[in-house]
Amino acid sequence: MRKFGKMSTGALVALVMAAPLPVAAAEIVIGVASVRKGHDNRTETSNASTGIFYAIHEALIERDAFQPGVFIPGLATEWEMIDDDTMELKLREGVTFHNGDTMDAYDVEASLDPIIKLENKRYRNPHGKMFYNFEDVEVVDDMTVRIHTKRPDALMETLLSVRNAGIRSLDRINDGQEDQHGLHPIGAGPYKVASIVPGESVMLERFDDYWGEPAPFDKVTFTRIPEVSTRITALVNGEVDIVSEIPPDQYALIDNETGLKRVEVTYPMYHVYLFNNAHPVTSDVKLRQALTHAIDYEGLVEALFSGQGMAPGGMQYKQVGETYNPDLDIFNYDLERARELLAESDYGGEDVEITIYPNYYLYGELAAQAIQDMWQDIGVNVKLVHIPVGGLTVDKDPGTMVRNWSIPMLYGDIMGVMDNALTEDGWASKRGYFDPYADPRWLEYYEVARFGQTVEERKEAYAKLHDVFSDLAPLIALYQPADSYAMRADIDFEIPTALRPFTLPLRAGQITVGE
C-alpha cells in the first residue's frame, strides 16, 4: 500500500518556496498570441488557457513546477492507494473558493465525476485525453474521498495534478448557468477572475482568502496581441510587462533595447499537421506517407527558428522522464522515398488543402508556405486555406484535409504525448480524423504502452506503436518551436520544466520584481 503526502510543514514550505518572495507589485500585463473565448477547465484543453488555469485553479495533488516527477500536497494533504484501483485522499481544511464557499468532499465529487463519466459531450476533450480510465469519485466523509479507476493506473497522481482536474464549488456547478462558466470561472487558486473579454483579454486579481502563500500581484492581465511585431512594440512602449512567443529572428530587437531581457525555452510541444484520414483525398495512406517523407524537418527548424528549435524524432519529449526512448525516429526527410510512395498512391492531382489558423501558432503561416513548396516539389498540388481564430472552425468540418495543430506534453510520461492526440476516445478519433481500428496492432500496443506494469514493458510497446504510426501516418510532427518570453529587465522568473507548455510561474516564490 503506497502512501503519499506526509510532509512536515517546514519541508513543504521549503519545496514550494524555492525562490525568494517577490516584491509586491500592483499590476502586471502580459501580451499573448491568443486568448480563448471561454475558460472552463472541464471543457478547455487549449495551450492558450494554460497560464490562466494555473493561476485560478487548484488540484488535489500538485506537481513541483521545476522538478519533474515530484508531487506535493495541494487540496489534498495526503493520499494513499488502498487497493490497486482505489486512491483515498484526505482534503485540506479551510479552503475557500472564489465565491466564498468552503471546500469539502462533495465539491470534489461534483468537479470530477461529470468529466470522468462524460455526462456532457462538452467534456470529451479532458475525458478522452486524461480521465477515461477513472471510474468515479466516492465521498467517504466531508473531508475524505476515494477515487476509483477501471483498472490499475500508474498515472493517477499525474492525472489528478492537471488543471482540468481543478476543484470547483458545488454551488457554482449547480447554479444552472453552465453555459456561462467559461466566462465566470470559480476556482480556489491564488488569483480569481475579475473580468473576461472573450477572445481578447482576461484580468485576474489576487484572491485574499487563498489558503496558501498570497499571490505576488494585485492584478494580472492577459491581453491578446496576435502579431509578434506588435507584441514587441507594446513591450518596448511599456504597454505590457511580459510578452510570449518571441522567435529567434526577433531576439536582437529585445537584446538591443535597454531595460528589456528574455528567457528562452524550447517547449515539449510539437507543431503538427493532422491528416483527416476519412477524407477521400487524404484517406490514401501512401499519399500521407509520401507527404511525411517530403518535409525537410531540419531545414524547417533552421529557416523558422535559426536552428534553435528541435526537429522531431518520435512522438515523445525528453521531459517525459524515465519513459523517454532516445532511439525513436520516425520522421525522416527522404525525397526519393517520397516520390516512390506518391507514385504508388492513388493521388490524381487534386489540391491537397492545408487549413491553418494564422497567428495562432507561432510562424504557422511561414511553415505552411515552406511545406507547400516541399510538397509541390514531389508533384502534389497544394492550396492554403486560412481560417481566422474565432471564425468558422475546422474542428467539425469533414471537408478539412490537413490542419495545423499542436501536441504539448500534458504530463511527464510518454502517454502525456500520445494520449493528447490519438487515444481511442481522444480529440482526433472522436472527430473522425483518425481511426484507431484501422490497424489491429494499434490498440494492442497502445494497451501495453498505457497500462503495462513496468517502465521497460511500456517503453517497448511504445516503440512498437511507433512502427504502426509510420505505417498509418495519421499526422506529421513538424518541430518543437524555439521560443522566448521577453520582459522588463527587473522581472525574474524561470520557465517551469515540469508543467505543460505555456504555464507562466505567477505564484508566490516563482517570480520576482524589482530585485
Protein backbone atom coordinates (compact mmCIF):
# COMPACT_ATOMS: atom_id res chain seq x y z
CA MET A 1 0.00 0.00 0.00
CA ARG A 2 1.53 3.30 -1.12
CA LYS A 3 1.20 6.44 0.97
CA PHE A 4 1.83 9.96 -0.22
CA GLY A 5 1.69 13.50 1.03
CA LYS A 6 3.15 13.00 4.52
CA MET A 7 5.32 16.12 4.76
CA SER A 8 6.30 18.39 7.60
CA THR A 9 5.17 21.98 7.26
CA GLY A 10 8.77 23.13 7.07
CA ALA A 11 9.66 20.68 4.30
CA LEU A 12 6.60 21.66 2.27
CA VAL A 13 7.33 25.37 2.56
CA ALA A 14 10.96 24.77 1.57
CA LEU A 15 9.87 22.85 -1.51
CA VAL A 16 7.18 25.25 -2.70
CA MET A 17 9.04 28.42 -1.79
CA ALA A 18 12.19 27.52 -3.72
CA ALA A 19 12.75 31.18 -4.69
CA PRO A 20 12.51 34.33 -2.54
CA LEU A 21 9.16 36.04 -2.28
CA PRO A 22 8.76 38.83 -4.82
CA VAL A 23 8.50 42.48 -4.13
CA ALA A 24 4.80 43.37 -4.09
CA ALA A 25 3.62 44.75 -7.40
CA ALA A 26 0.31 46.42 -8.17
CA GLU A 27 -0.28 45.02 -11.63
CA ILE A 28 1.40 43.11 -14.41
CA VAL A 29 0.22 42.95 -18.03
CA ILE A 30 1.14 40.02 -20.28
CA GLY A 31 0.85 40.14 -24.06
CA VAL A 32 -0.01 36.73 -25.52
CA ALA A 33 -0.72 35.46 -29.02
CA SER A 34 -4.16 34.08 -28.24
CA VAL A 35 -6.90 34.32 -25.63
CA ARG A 36 -9.76 31.82 -25.67
CA LYS A 37 -13.39 32.90 -25.69
CA GLY A 38 -14.14 30.85 -22.57
CA HIS A 39 -12.14 29.35 -19.72
CA ASP A 40 -14.00 26.33 -18.35
CA ASN A 41 -11.41 23.79 -17.18
CA ARG A 42 -13.88 20.92 -17.70
CA THR A 43 -14.00 21.56 -21.43
CA GLU A 44 -10.91 23.53 -22.43
CA THR A 45 -7.56 21.85 -23.11
CA SER A 46 -6.02 24.56 -25.30
CA ASN A 47 -2.48 25.85 -24.76
CA ALA A 48 -3.98 29.35 -24.64
CA SER A 49 -5.76 28.62 -21.34
CA THR A 50 -2.80 27.01 -19.59
CA GLY A 51 -1.43 30.09 -17.83
CA ILE A 52 -4.88 31.23 -16.70
CA PHE A 53 -5.86 27.81 -15.35
CA TYR A 54 -2.59 27.55 -13.40
CA ALA A 55 -3.36 30.88 -11.72
CA ILE A 56 -7.01 30.31 -10.79
CA HIS A 57 -7.36 26.57 -10.15
CA GLU A 58 -6.01 24.17 -7.52
CA ALA A 59 -5.65 20.43 -7.97
CA LEU A 60 -5.90 17.73 -5.32
CA ILE A 61 -2.28 16.79 -5.94
CA GLU A 62 0.27 19.35 -7.11
CA ARG A 63 3.46 18.90 -9.09
CA ASP A 64 6.60 20.82 -8.24
CA ALA A 65 6.88 23.25 -11.16
CA PHE A 66 10.61 22.79 -11.63
CA GLN A 67 11.32 19.19 -10.57
CA PRO A 68 9.79 16.55 -12.86
CA GLY A 69 8.10 13.70 -11.02
CA VAL A 70 7.87 15.46 -7.64
CA PHE A 71 4.34 15.52 -6.21
CA ILE A 72 3.34 17.74 -3.29
CA PRO A 73 0.11 18.26 -1.34
CA GLY A 74 -2.46 20.52 -2.91
CA LEU A 75 -6.13 20.47 -1.96
CA ALA A 76 -5.39 17.00 -0.60
CA THR A 77 -2.92 16.91 2.28
CA GLU A 78 -2.23 13.17 1.97
CA TRP A 79 -3.23 10.25 -0.21
CA GLU A 80 -2.75 6.51 -0.41
CA MET A 81 -3.66 3.57 -2.61
CA ILE A 82 -5.93 1.37 -0.52
CA ASP A 83 -6.15 -1.23 -3.29
CA ASP A 84 -4.95 -1.49 -6.89
CA ASP A 85 -7.86 0.56 -8.23
CA THR A 86 -8.62 3.00 -5.41
CA MET A 87 -6.88 6.08 -4.07
CA GLU A 88 -8.06 7.65 -0.83
CA LEU A 89 -7.36 11.35 -0.30
CA LYS A 90 -7.68 13.49 2.82
CA LEU A 91 -8.77 17.02 1.96
CA ARG A 92 -7.29 20.25 3.23
CA GLU A 93 -9.36 22.03 5.86
CA GLY A 94 -10.44 25.63 5.41
CA VAL A 95 -10.04 26.01 1.64
CA THR A 96 -12.21 28.83 0.30
CA PHE A 97 -13.41 29.12 -3.30
CA HIS A 98 -13.51 32.43 -5.11
CA ASN A 99 -17.27 32.69 -4.47
CA GLY A 100 -16.79 32.33 -0.70
CA ASP A 101 -17.81 28.66 -0.41
CA THR A 102 -15.70 26.32 1.71
CA MET A 103 -14.40 23.17 0.03
CA ASP A 104 -15.50 19.70 1.08
CA ALA A 105 -15.67 16.23 -0.47
CA TYR A 106 -18.89 16.98 -2.34
CA ASP A 107 -17.14 19.73 -4.30
CA VAL A 108 -14.52 17.19 -5.37
CA GLU A 109 -17.19 14.72 -6.45
CA ALA A 110 -19.12 17.38 -8.39
CA SER A 111 -15.95 18.68 -10.07
CA LEU A 112 -14.54 15.37 -11.28
CA ASP A 113 -17.44 12.94 -11.76
CA PRO A 114 -19.04 14.75 -14.74
CA ILE A 115 -15.72 14.65 -16.64
CA ILE A 116 -14.93 11.08 -15.57
CA LYS A 117 -18.38 9.83 -16.57
CA LEU A 118 -18.60 12.10 -19.64
CA GLU A 119 -22.00 13.40 -18.54
CA ASN A 120 -21.86 16.08 -21.23
CA LYS A 121 -20.19 15.78 -24.63
CA ARG A 122 -18.59 19.17 -23.94
CA TYR A 123 -16.27 17.36 -21.51
CA ARG A 124 -14.90 14.94 -24.09
CA ASN A 125 -11.52 16.62 -24.57
CA PRO A 126 -10.25 16.22 -20.99
CA HIS A 127 -12.10 12.90 -20.64
CA GLY A 128 -10.57 11.42 -23.78
CA LYS A 129 -7.08 12.77 -23.18
CA MET A 130 -6.77 12.08 -19.46
CA PHE A 131 -9.68 10.68 -17.48
CA TYR A 132 -11.10 7.80 -19.49
CA ASN A 133 -9.73 5.17 -17.06
CA PHE A 134 -11.29 6.79 -14.00
CA GLU A 135 -14.48 5.17 -12.69
CA ASP A 136 -15.93 7.60 -10.15
CA VAL A 137 -15.42 9.66 -7.01
CA GLU A 138 -16.76 8.24 -3.75
CA VAL A 139 -17.45 10.55 -0.79
CA VAL A 140 -16.27 8.80 2.38
CA ASP A 141 -16.94 11.72 4.69
CA ASP A 142 -16.94 15.51 4.42
CA MET A 143 -13.15 15.68 4.09
CA THR A 144 -12.26 12.30 2.56
CA VAL A 145 -12.77 10.99 -0.95
CA ARG A 146 -11.89 7.80 -2.75
CA ILE A 147 -11.20 7.91 -6.46
CA HIS A 148 -11.72 4.64 -8.30
CA THR A 149 -10.22 3.61 -11.62
CA LYS A 150 -11.45 0.94 -14.01
CA ARG A 151 -8.06 -0.78 -13.82
CA PRO A 152 -4.74 -0.17 -12.07
CA ASP A 153 -3.24 3.10 -13.27
CA ALA A 154 0.31 4.23 -12.57
CA LEU A 155 -0.59 7.74 -13.76
CA MET A 156 -3.25 8.54 -11.14
CA GLU A 157 -1.19 11.15 -9.28
CA THR A 158 -0.09 12.78 -12.51
CA LEU A 159 -3.61 12.97 -13.94
CA LEU A 160 -5.07 14.37 -10.73
CA SER A 161 -2.47 17.15 -10.83
CA VAL A 162 -3.50 18.62 -14.20
CA ARG A 163 -5.60 21.81 -14.17
CA ASN A 164 -8.50 20.07 -15.88
CA ALA A 165 -8.84 18.23 -12.56
CA GLY A 166 -9.02 21.54 -10.69
CA ILE A 167 -11.70 21.57 -7.98
CA ARG A 168 -14.65 23.94 -8.20
CA SER A 169 -17.52 24.91 -5.92
CA LEU A 170 -20.55 22.58 -5.88
CA ASP A 171 -22.89 25.56 -5.61
CA ARG A 172 -21.28 27.11 -8.66
CA ILE A 173 -21.51 23.85 -10.62
CA ASN A 174 -25.23 23.51 -9.81
CA ASP A 175 -26.21 27.14 -10.38
CA GLY A 176 -27.97 26.44 -13.69
CA GLN A 177 -25.61 28.73 -15.60
CA GLU A 178 -23.30 26.11 -17.12
CA ASP A 179 -23.03 27.91 -20.45
CA GLN A 180 -21.60 30.92 -18.58
CA HIS A 181 -19.00 29.08 -16.51
CA GLY A 182 -16.27 29.72 -19.06
CA LEU A 183 -16.84 33.46 -18.70
CA HIS A 184 -17.09 33.39 -14.90
CA PRO A 185 -14.84 30.54 -13.73
CA ILE A 186 -14.69 29.92 -9.98
CA GLY A 187 -11.64 28.12 -8.60
CA ALA A 188 -9.63 28.00 -5.38
CA GLY A 189 -6.30 29.33 -6.67
CA PRO A 190 -4.25 32.37 -5.65
CA TYR A 191 -5.92 34.56 -8.28
CA LYS A 192 -9.59 34.98 -9.15
CA VAL A 193 -11.12 36.23 -12.38
CA ALA A 194 -12.02 39.91 -12.30
CA SER A 195 -13.19 40.20 -15.92
CA ILE A 196 -13.09 38.44 -19.26
CA VAL A 197 -13.47 39.97 -22.70
CA PRO A 198 -14.00 36.81 -24.79
CA GLY A 199 -11.15 36.21 -27.18
CA GLU A 200 -9.40 39.43 -26.16
CA SER A 201 -8.36 39.65 -22.50
CA VAL A 202 -8.60 38.11 -19.05
CA MET A 203 -8.00 40.15 -15.91
CA LEU A 204 -7.15 38.35 -12.68
CA GLU A 205 -6.84 39.76 -9.19
CA ARG A 206 -5.27 38.45 -6.01
CA PHE A 207 -7.62 36.20 -4.02
CA ASP A 208 -7.18 37.35 -0.45
CA ASP A 209 -8.73 34.21 1.07
CA TYR A 210 -6.35 31.82 -0.70
CA TRP A 211 -5.25 29.02 1.62
CA GLY A 212 -1.55 29.21 0.64
CA GLU A 213 1.05 31.95 0.19
CA PRO A 214 -0.57 35.11 -1.20
CA ALA A 215 -0.24 35.83 -4.90
CA PRO A 216 2.57 38.29 -5.71
CA PHE A 217 0.43 40.66 -7.82
CA ASP A 218 -2.69 42.66 -7.12
CA LYS A 219 -3.74 42.22 -10.76
CA VAL A 220 -2.61 40.17 -13.74
CA THR A 221 -3.97 40.88 -17.20
CA PHE A 222 -3.55 38.58 -20.20
CA THR A 223 -4.18 40.57 -23.37
CA ARG A 224 -4.31 39.20 -26.91
CA ILE A 225 -1.72 40.66 -29.30
CA PRO A 226 -1.59 38.20 -32.22
CA GLU A 227 1.28 39.70 -34.23
CA VAL A 228 4.85 39.13 -32.99
CA SER A 229 5.99 42.60 -34.08
CA THR A 230 3.06 44.25 -32.31
CA ARG A 231 3.80 42.35 -29.09
CA ILE A 232 7.39 43.56 -29.19
CA THR A 233 6.30 47.14 -29.85
CA ALA A 234 3.88 47.01 -26.92
CA LEU A 235 6.70 45.83 -24.65
CA VAL A 236 9.14 48.48 -25.88
CA ASN A 237 6.49 51.17 -25.35
CA GLY A 238 5.75 50.00 -21.83
CA GLU A 239 2.17 48.98 -22.62
CA VAL A 240 2.83 45.45 -21.36
CA ASP A 241 5.37 43.97 -18.94
CA ILE A 242 5.85 40.48 -20.43
CA VAL A 243 5.24 39.10 -23.91
CA SER A 244 5.17 35.48 -25.03
CA GLU A 245 6.23 33.65 -28.19
CA ILE A 246 9.14 35.76 -29.40
CA PRO A 247 11.06 33.71 -32.03
CA PRO A 248 14.85 33.74 -32.52
CA ASP A 249 14.87 36.09 -35.50
CA GLN A 250 13.40 38.77 -33.23
CA TYR A 251 15.78 38.29 -30.30
CA ALA A 252 18.07 41.15 -31.32
CA LEU A 253 15.21 43.64 -31.04
CA ILE A 254 14.91 42.74 -27.37
CA ASP A 255 18.62 42.29 -26.66
CA ASN A 256 19.45 45.73 -28.07
CA GLU A 257 16.76 47.51 -26.08
CA THR A 258 17.81 48.93 -22.71
CA GLY A 259 15.61 47.79 -19.85
CA LEU A 260 14.40 44.57 -21.50
CA LYS A 261 15.53 40.94 -21.40
CA ARG A 262 14.46 37.45 -22.45
CA VAL A 263 14.00 33.94 -21.10
CA GLU A 264 14.44 31.25 -23.77
CA VAL A 265 12.69 27.90 -23.97
CA THR A 266 12.13 25.04 -26.40
CA TYR A 267 8.86 23.68 -25.13
CA PRO A 268 7.96 19.99 -25.02
CA MET A 269 5.40 20.62 -27.73
CA TYR A 270 5.19 19.76 -31.40
CA HIS A 271 3.54 21.84 -34.05
CA VAL A 272 1.89 19.17 -36.19
CA TYR A 273 -0.13 18.62 -39.33
CA LEU A 274 -3.09 16.37 -38.65
CA PHE A 275 -4.49 14.45 -41.61
CA ASN A 276 -8.20 13.83 -41.97
CA ASN A 277 -7.88 10.09 -42.55
CA ALA A 278 -11.54 9.94 -43.63
CA HIS A 279 -11.34 12.50 -46.44
CA PRO A 280 -11.42 10.97 -49.98
CA VAL A 281 -8.02 12.51 -50.79
CA THR A 282 -6.10 12.19 -47.53
CA SER A 283 -7.52 8.75 -46.71
CA ASP A 284 -4.82 7.47 -49.11
CA VAL A 285 -2.15 6.15 -46.72
CA LYS A 286 0.54 6.11 -49.43
CA LEU A 287 -0.11 9.79 -50.05
CA ARG A 288 0.14 10.53 -46.32
CA GLN A 289 3.42 8.61 -46.11
CA ALA A 290 4.78 10.46 -49.14
CA LEU A 291 3.92 13.83 -47.64
CA THR A 292 5.60 12.81 -44.37
CA HIS A 293 8.88 11.97 -46.12
CA ALA A 294 8.75 15.13 -48.27
CA ILE A 295 9.31 17.51 -45.35
CA ASP A 296 12.81 18.77 -44.58
CA TYR A 297 12.46 18.86 -40.80
CA GLU A 298 15.93 20.18 -40.02
CA GLY A 299 15.51 22.77 -42.78
CA LEU A 300 12.28 24.00 -41.19
CA VAL A 301 13.95 24.41 -37.81
CA GLU A 302 16.83 26.30 -39.38
CA ALA A 303 14.63 28.56 -41.50
CA LEU A 304 11.97 29.35 -38.92
CA PHE A 305 13.94 29.29 -35.68
CA SER A 306 17.57 29.87 -36.69
CA GLY A 307 18.34 26.28 -35.78
CA GLN A 308 17.31 26.80 -32.17
CA GLY A 309 14.17 24.65 -32.14
CA MET A 310 14.20 20.87 -32.42
CA ALA A 311 13.33 18.54 -35.29
CA PRO A 312 11.14 15.58 -34.35
CA GLY A 313 12.31 12.05 -33.74
CA GLY A 314 9.36 10.20 -32.33
CA MET A 315 6.14 11.21 -30.61
CA GLN A 316 7.84 12.00 -27.32
CA TYR A 317 9.91 14.61 -25.46
CA LYS A 318 12.96 14.37 -23.27
CA GLN A 319 10.91 15.82 -20.44
CA VAL A 320 8.81 12.64 -20.13
CA GLY A 321 11.41 11.34 -17.70
CA GLU A 322 12.17 7.67 -17.29
CA THR A 323 9.87 6.64 -20.12
CA TYR A 324 11.93 8.58 -22.71
CA ASN A 325 13.43 6.45 -25.50
CA PRO A 326 16.23 8.19 -27.48
CA ASP A 327 16.08 5.58 -30.25
CA LEU A 328 12.66 6.51 -31.62
CA ASP A 329 12.97 8.12 -35.05
CA ILE A 330 10.06 8.01 -37.49
CA PHE A 331 10.01 11.45 -39.14
CA ASN A 332 12.67 11.34 -41.85
CA TYR A 333 13.27 13.58 -44.85
CA ASP A 334 13.70 11.33 -47.90
CA LEU A 335 12.72 12.87 -51.24
CA GLU A 336 13.39 9.71 -53.26
CA ARG A 337 11.18 7.64 -50.97
CA ALA A 338 8.51 10.37 -51.00
CA ARG A 339 8.32 10.28 -54.80
CA GLU A 340 8.19 6.46 -54.82
CA LEU A 341 5.28 6.47 -52.34
CA LEU A 342 3.45 9.14 -54.31
CA ALA A 343 3.75 7.01 -57.45
CA GLU A 344 2.34 4.03 -55.55
CA SER A 345 -0.60 6.09 -54.25
CA ASP A 346 -3.94 6.81 -55.92
CA TYR A 347 -3.25 10.54 -55.96
CA GLY A 348 -4.71 12.06 -59.11
CA GLY A 349 -3.57 15.67 -59.00
CA GLU A 350 -6.26 17.03 -56.64
CA ASP A 351 -5.48 20.02 -54.46
CA VAL A 352 -4.31 18.98 -51.01
CA GLU A 353 -5.63 21.72 -48.75
CA ILE A 354 -3.70 22.79 -45.65
CA THR A 355 -6.05 24.61 -43.28
CA ILE A 356 -4.26 26.94 -40.89
CA TYR A 357 -5.15 29.39 -38.15
CA PRO A 358 -2.95 32.43 -38.93
CA ASN A 359 -1.15 33.82 -35.85
CA TYR A 360 -2.45 31.11 -33.52
CA TYR A 361 0.68 29.00 -33.93
CA LEU A 362 3.99 30.85 -33.95
CA TYR A 363 5.12 31.16 -37.59
CA GLY A 364 2.37 28.80 -38.68
CA GLU A 365 1.87 30.80 -41.90
CA LEU A 366 5.55 30.70 -42.83
CA ALA A 367 5.73 27.00 -42.06
CA ALA A 368 2.71 26.35 -44.29
CA GLN A 369 4.28 28.25 -47.17
CA ALA A 370 7.53 26.28 -46.83
CA ILE A 371 5.69 22.94 -46.65
CA GLN A 372 3.56 23.91 -49.62
CA ASP A 373 6.77 24.29 -51.64
CA MET A 374 8.17 20.98 -50.34
CA TRP A 375 5.03 19.04 -51.23
CA GLN A 376 4.79 20.67 -54.64
CA ASP A 377 8.40 19.63 -55.29
CA ILE A 378 7.32 15.97 -55.29
CA GLY A 379 4.35 16.66 -57.59
CA VAL A 380 1.48 17.39 -55.19
CA ASN A 381 -0.77 20.38 -55.77
CA VAL A 382 -1.23 22.29 -52.52
CA LYS A 383 -3.68 25.00 -51.52
CA LEU A 384 -3.52 27.01 -48.27
CA VAL A 385 -6.85 27.71 -46.54
CA HIS A 386 -6.89 30.40 -43.84
CA ILE A 387 -9.42 30.19 -41.01
CA PRO A 388 -9.38 33.11 -38.53
CA VAL A 389 -9.36 32.14 -34.88
CA GLY A 390 -12.90 32.67 -33.68
CA GLY A 391 -14.26 32.24 -37.18
CA LEU A 392 -15.56 29.10 -38.85
CA THR A 393 -13.96 26.20 -37.02
CA VAL A 394 -12.34 23.30 -38.83
CA ASP A 395 -12.92 21.02 -35.86
CA LYS A 396 -16.22 19.75 -37.24
CA ASP A 397 -15.66 20.23 -40.96
CA PRO A 398 -15.47 16.89 -42.81
CA GLY A 399 -14.03 18.75 -45.81
CA THR A 400 -10.80 19.51 -43.97
CA MET A 401 -7.87 17.55 -45.42
CA VAL A 402 -4.90 18.72 -43.36
CA ARG A 403 -4.96 21.14 -40.43
CA ASN A 404 -2.27 22.64 -38.27
CA TRP A 405 -2.40 21.70 -34.61
CA SER A 406 -0.09 21.32 -31.65
CA ILE A 407 0.60 18.47 -29.27
CA PRO A 408 2.05 19.59 -25.94
CA MET A 409 3.29 17.30 -23.20
CA LEU A 410 0.24 17.23 -20.93
CA TYR A 411 2.22 15.48 -18.20
CA GLY A 412 5.59 13.82 -17.66
CA ASP A 413 5.07 10.45 -19.31
CA ILE A 414 5.15 9.10 -22.85
CA MET A 415 1.37 8.86 -22.80
CA GLY A 416 1.21 12.56 -21.98
CA VAL A 417 2.07 12.96 -25.66
CA MET A 418 0.16 10.21 -27.45
CA ASP A 419 -2.94 10.34 -25.25
CA ASN A 420 -3.18 14.00 -26.13
CA ALA A 421 -3.54 13.12 -29.79
CA LEU A 422 -4.57 9.62 -30.74
CA THR A 423 -6.23 7.85 -27.84
CA GLU A 424 -9.32 5.81 -28.71
CA ASP A 425 -11.52 8.45 -27.05
CA GLY A 426 -9.39 11.46 -27.98
CA TRP A 427 -9.89 14.61 -29.99
CA ALA A 428 -8.76 13.29 -33.39
CA SER A 429 -10.61 9.97 -33.07
CA LYS A 430 -13.92 11.41 -31.91
CA ARG A 431 -13.94 13.94 -34.76
CA GLY A 432 -13.25 11.27 -37.35
CA TYR A 433 -9.76 12.44 -38.31
CA PHE A 434 -8.11 9.24 -37.07
CA ASP A 435 -9.35 5.65 -36.97
CA PRO A 436 -7.68 3.70 -34.13
CA TYR A 437 -9.17 0.48 -35.53
CA ALA A 438 -7.51 0.86 -38.93
CA ASP A 439 -4.68 -1.46 -37.85
CA PRO A 440 -5.35 -4.08 -35.12
CA ARG A 441 -1.81 -3.63 -33.80
CA TRP A 442 -2.53 -0.03 -32.80
CA LEU A 443 -4.82 -0.76 -29.87
CA GLU A 444 -2.81 -3.88 -28.95
CA TYR A 445 0.40 -1.91 -28.44
CA TYR A 446 -1.44 1.10 -27.08
CA GLU A 447 -2.89 -1.08 -24.33
CA VAL A 448 0.54 -2.11 -23.07
CA ALA A 449 2.12 1.32 -23.50
CA ARG A 450 -0.62 2.84 -21.36
CA PHE A 451 -1.25 0.12 -18.78
CA GLY A 452 1.89 -2.04 -18.71
CA GLN A 453 3.23 -2.99 -15.30
CA THR A 454 6.84 -1.85 -15.77
CA VAL A 455 8.53 1.11 -17.41
CA GLU A 456 10.53 -1.15 -19.73
CA GLU A 457 7.43 -3.05 -20.82
CA ARG A 458 5.67 0.21 -21.60
CA LYS A 459 8.67 1.66 -23.47
CA GLU A 460 8.96 -1.46 -25.62
CA ALA A 461 5.27 -1.29 -26.52
CA TYR A 462 5.57 2.42 -27.27
CA ALA A 463 8.40 1.71 -29.70
CA LYS A 464 6.22 -0.87 -31.47
CA LEU A 465 3.42 1.69 -31.53
CA HIS A 466 5.76 3.96 -33.48
CA ASP A 467 6.20 1.28 -36.13
CA VAL A 468 2.43 1.21 -36.63
CA PHE A 469 2.38 5.00 -36.56
CA SER A 470 4.80 5.03 -39.52
CA ASP A 471 2.51 2.69 -41.43
CA LEU A 472 -0.66 4.68 -40.70
CA ALA A 473 0.88 8.17 -40.99
CA PRO A 474 -2.03 9.85 -39.15
CA LEU A 475 -0.17 13.10 -38.54
CA ILE A 476 3.21 14.76 -39.00
CA ALA A 477 5.20 16.24 -36.12
CA LEU A 478 6.96 19.23 -37.70
CA TYR A 479 9.21 20.62 -34.96
CA GLN A 480 9.45 21.82 -31.39
CA PRO A 481 9.45 25.61 -31.79
CA ALA A 482 12.16 27.72 -30.17
CA ASP A 483 10.51 30.39 -28.12
CA SER A 484 11.23 33.19 -25.73
CA TYR A 485 9.47 35.35 -23.20
CA ALA A 486 10.56 38.98 -23.27
CA MET A 487 10.03 41.24 -20.30
CA ARG A 488 11.10 44.24 -18.31
CA ALA A 489 14.64 43.77 -17.01
CA ASP A 490 13.54 43.94 -13.36
CA ILE A 491 11.27 40.88 -13.71
CA ASP A 492 12.82 37.49 -12.99
CA PHE A 493 11.38 34.03 -13.43
CA GLU A 494 12.31 30.62 -14.79
CA ILE A 495 10.19 28.61 -17.20
CA PRO A 496 8.57 25.68 -15.35
CA THR A 497 10.08 22.48 -16.74
CA ALA A 498 7.73 20.04 -15.03
CA LEU A 499 4.42 21.53 -16.15
CA ARG A 500 2.77 21.70 -19.55
CA PRO A 501 3.93 24.35 -22.04
CA PHE A 502 2.81 27.97 -21.62
CA THR A 503 2.47 27.69 -17.85
CA LEU A 504 3.61 31.06 -16.55
CA PRO A 505 5.05 30.99 -13.00
CA LEU A 506 2.90 33.69 -11.42
CA ARG A 507 2.55 32.17 -7.97
CA ALA A 508 4.37 33.10 -4.77
CA GLY A 509 8.05 32.19 -4.82
CA GLN A 510 8.15 31.76 -8.60
CA ILE A 511 8.62 35.31 -9.86
CA THR A 512 10.40 38.39 -8.51
CA VAL A 513 10.03 42.04 -9.45
CA GLY A 514 12.38 44.92 -8.78
CA GLU A 515 15.19 42.98 -7.07
